[in-house]
Amino acid sequence: MRKIVPATFFAAALALAGCQMTDTERSVVGGVTGAAGGLAVANLFGANTNWKILGTVAGAAAGTLLAQNTATGKCAYARGDGTYYEAPCP
């Protein structure tokens, strides 16, 4: 329980700070947060060093893309044939 409380406060502060960030800052924070999440998941599963690196890089990429998608206010929707289109998020 003692570890959950600081993490919750950090997440809340990060969410509130996101409202006042530029697009570049939002991408950087998304990448760093994604990298930390990827590394945390790799550690949780007891992965070796190579998988930890891969998890960190994949998390950083996903976090950056999510932050950029949030910045535009558009979501990607799959058509079912391997392509996608963008439209406003619901």
C-alpha atoms as a PDB file:
ATOM      1  CA  MET A   1       0.000   0.000   0.000  1.00  0.00           C
ATOM      2  CA  ARG A   2       2.863   2.366   0.740  1.00  0.00           C
ATOM      3  CA  LYS A   3       4.096   2.082  -2.859  1.00  0.00           C
ATOM      4  CA  ILE A   4       0.685   2.591  -4.456  1.00  0.00           C
ATOM      5  CA  VAL A   5       0.010   5.987  -2.870  1.00  0.00           C
ATOM      6  CA  PRO A   6       3.091   7.792  -4.320  1.00  0.00           C
ATOM      7  CA  ALA A   7       2.468   6.198  -7.702  1.00  0.00           C
ATOM      8  CA  THR A   8      -1.134   7.431  -7.630  1.00  0.00           C
ATOM      9  CA  PHE A   9      -0.055  10.970  -6.782  1.00  0.00           C
ATOM     10  CA  PHE A  10       2.563  10.876  -9.543  1.00  0.00           C
ATOM     11  CA  ALA A  11      -0.005   9.696 -12.094  1.00  0.00           C
ATOM     12  CA  ALA A  12      -2.474  12.393 -11.036  1.00  0.00           C
ATOM     13  CA  ALA A  13       0.183  15.120 -11.253  1.00  0.00           C
ATOM     14  CA  LEU A  14       1.233  13.882 -14.669  1.00  0.00           C
ATOM     15  CA  ALA A  15      -2.371  13.906 -15.887  1.00  0.00           C
ATOM     16  CA  LEU A  16      -2.949  17.451 -14.667  1.00  0.00           C
ATOM     17  CA  ALA A  17       0.341  18.649 -16.126  1.00  0.00           C
ATOM     18  CA  GLY A  18      -0.681  17.173 -19.476  1.00  0.00           C
ATOM     19  CA  CYS A  19      -3.363  19.813 -19.808  1.00  0.00           C
ATOM     20  CA  GLN A  20      -0.769  22.590 -20.003  1.00  0.00           C
ATOM     21  CA  MET A  21       1.876  20.944 -22.214  1.00  0.00           C
ATOM     22  CA  THR A  22       2.852  21.642 -25.777  1.00  0.00           C
ATOM     23  CA  ASP A  23       2.671  18.841 -28.339  1.00  0.00           C
ATOM     24  CA  THR A  24       6.411  18.196 -28.108  1.00  0.00           C
ATOM     25  CA  GLU A  25       6.374  18.050 -24.316  1.00  0.00           C
ATOM     26  CA  ARG A  26       3.380  15.707 -24.421  1.00  0.00           C
ATOM     27  CA  SER A  27       5.250  13.383 -26.813  1.00  0.00           C
ATOM     28  CA  VAL A  28       8.338  13.333 -24.598  1.00  0.00           C
ATOM     29  CA  VAL A  29       6.332  12.618 -21.446  1.00  0.00           C
ATOM     30  CA  GLY A  30       4.382   9.920 -23.281  1.00  0.00           C
ATOM     31  CA  GLY A  31       7.595   8.299 -24.457  1.00  0.00           C
ATOM     32  CA  VAL A  32       9.217   8.370 -21.034  1.00  0.00           C
ATOM     33  CA  THR A  33       6.088   7.068 -19.326  1.00  0.00           C
ATOM     34  CA  GLY A  34       5.696   4.336 -21.938  1.00  0.00           C
ATOM     35  CA  ALA A  35       9.333   3.320 -21.546  1.00  0.00           C
ATOM     36  CA  ALA A  36       8.922   3.097 -17.767  1.00  0.00           C
ATOM     37  CA  GLY A  37       5.781   1.029 -18.218  1.00  0.00           C
ATOM     38  CA  GLY A  38       7.460  -1.307 -20.684  1.00  0.00           C
ATOM     39  CA  LEU A  39      10.384  -1.839 -18.346  1.00  0.00           C
ATOM     40  CA  ALA A  40       8.051  -2.403 -15.390  1.00  0.00           C
ATOM     41  CA  VAL A  41       6.097  -5.062 -17.275  1.00  0.00           C
ATOM     42  CA  ALA A  42       9.312  -6.786 -18.392  1.00  0.00           C
ATOM     43  CA  ASN A  43      10.547  -6.814 -14.781  1.00  0.00           C
ATOM     44  CA  LEU A  44       7.188  -8.112 -13.598  1.00  0.00           C
ATOM     45  CA  PHE A  45       7.485 -11.118 -15.896  1.00  0.00           C
ATOM     46  CA  GLY A  46      11.138 -11.712 -14.953  1.00  0.00           C
ATOM     47  CA  ALA A  47      12.434 -11.098 -18.468  1.00  0.00           C
ATOM     48  CA  ASN A  48      16.118 -11.243 -19.370  1.00  0.00           C
ATOM     49  CA  THR A  49      18.077  -8.144 -20.388  1.00  0.00           C
ATOM     50  CA  ASN A  50      17.242  -8.382 -24.105  1.00  0.00           C
ATOM     51  CA  TRP A  51      13.507  -8.555 -23.438  1.00  0.00           C
ATOM     52  CA  LYS A  52      13.757  -5.669 -20.976  1.00  0.00           C
ATOM     53  CA  ILE A  53      15.362  -3.523 -23.664  1.00  0.00           C
ATOM     54  CA  LEU A  54      12.713  -4.545 -26.189  1.00  0.00           C
ATOM     55  CA  GLY A  55       9.904  -3.862 -23.701  1.00  0.00           C
ATOM     56  CA  THR A  56      11.330  -0.440 -22.889  1.00  0.00           C
ATOM     57  CA  VAL A  57      11.655   0.554 -26.548  1.00  0.00           C
ATOM     58  CA  ALA A  58       8.184  -0.748 -27.419  1.00  0.00           C
ATOM     59  CA  GLY A  59       6.682   1.064 -24.439  1.00  0.00           C
ATOM     60  CA  ALA A  60       8.384   4.304 -25.428  1.00  0.00           C
ATOM     61  CA  ALA A  61       7.070   4.031 -28.991  1.00  0.00           C
ATOM     62  CA  ALA A  62       3.537   3.256 -27.842  1.00  0.00           C
ATOM     63  CA  GLY A  63       3.573   6.076 -25.293  1.00  0.00           C
ATOM     64  CA  THR A  64       4.776   8.591 -27.863  1.00  0.00           C
ATOM     65  CA  LEU A  65       2.127   7.558 -30.387  1.00  0.00           C
ATOM     66  CA  LEU A  66      -0.607   7.679 -27.768  1.00  0.00           C
ATOM     67  CA  ALA A  67       0.480  11.152 -26.693  1.00  0.00           C
ATOM     68  CA  GLN A  68       0.498  12.352 -30.299  1.00  0.00           C
ATOM     69  CA  ASN A  69      -2.922  10.842 -30.908  1.00  0.00           C
ATOM     70  CA  THR A  70      -4.243  12.607 -27.813  1.00  0.00           C
ATOM     71  CA  ALA A  71      -2.795  15.876 -29.092  1.00  0.00           C
ATOM     72  CA  THR A  72      -4.746  15.690 -32.366  1.00  0.00           C
ATOM     73  CA  GLY A  73      -8.007  14.591 -30.784  1.00  0.00           C
ATOM     74  CA  LYS A  74      -8.451  11.909 -33.453  1.00  0.00           C
ATOM     75  CA  CYS A  75      -8.683   8.152 -33.094  1.00  0.00           C
ATOM     76  CA  ALA A  76      -7.679   5.460 -35.560  1.00  0.00           C
ATOM     77  CA  TYR A  77     -10.357   2.976 -36.613  1.00  0.00           C
ATOM     78  CA  ALA A  78      -9.658  -0.290 -38.444  1.00  0.00           C
ATOM     79  CA  ARG A  79     -11.600  -1.023 -41.614  1.00  0.00           C
ATOM     80  CA  GLY A  80     -11.006  -4.776 -41.373  1.00  0.00           C
ATOM     81  CA  ASP A  81      -8.913  -5.071 -44.525  1.00  0.00           C
ATOM     82  CA  GLY A  82      -5.648  -4.034 -42.872  1.00  0.00           C
ATOM     83  CA  THR A  83      -6.108  -0.308 -43.402  1.00  0.00           C
ATOM     84  CA  TYR A  84      -7.397   2.314 -41.028  1.00  0.00           C
ATOM     85  CA  TYR A  85      -8.881   5.772 -41.064  1.00  0.00           C
ATOM     86  CA  GLU A  86      -8.849   8.642 -38.602  1.00  0.00           C
ATOM     87  CA  ALA A  87     -11.947  10.329 -37.214  1.00  0.00           C
ATOM     88  CA  PRO A  88     -12.788  12.376 -34.117  1.00  0.00           C
ATOM     89  CA  CYS A  89     -12.754  10.329 -30.911  1.00  0.00           C
ATOM     90  CA  PRO A  90     -16.133   9.618 -29.300  1.00  0.00           C
END
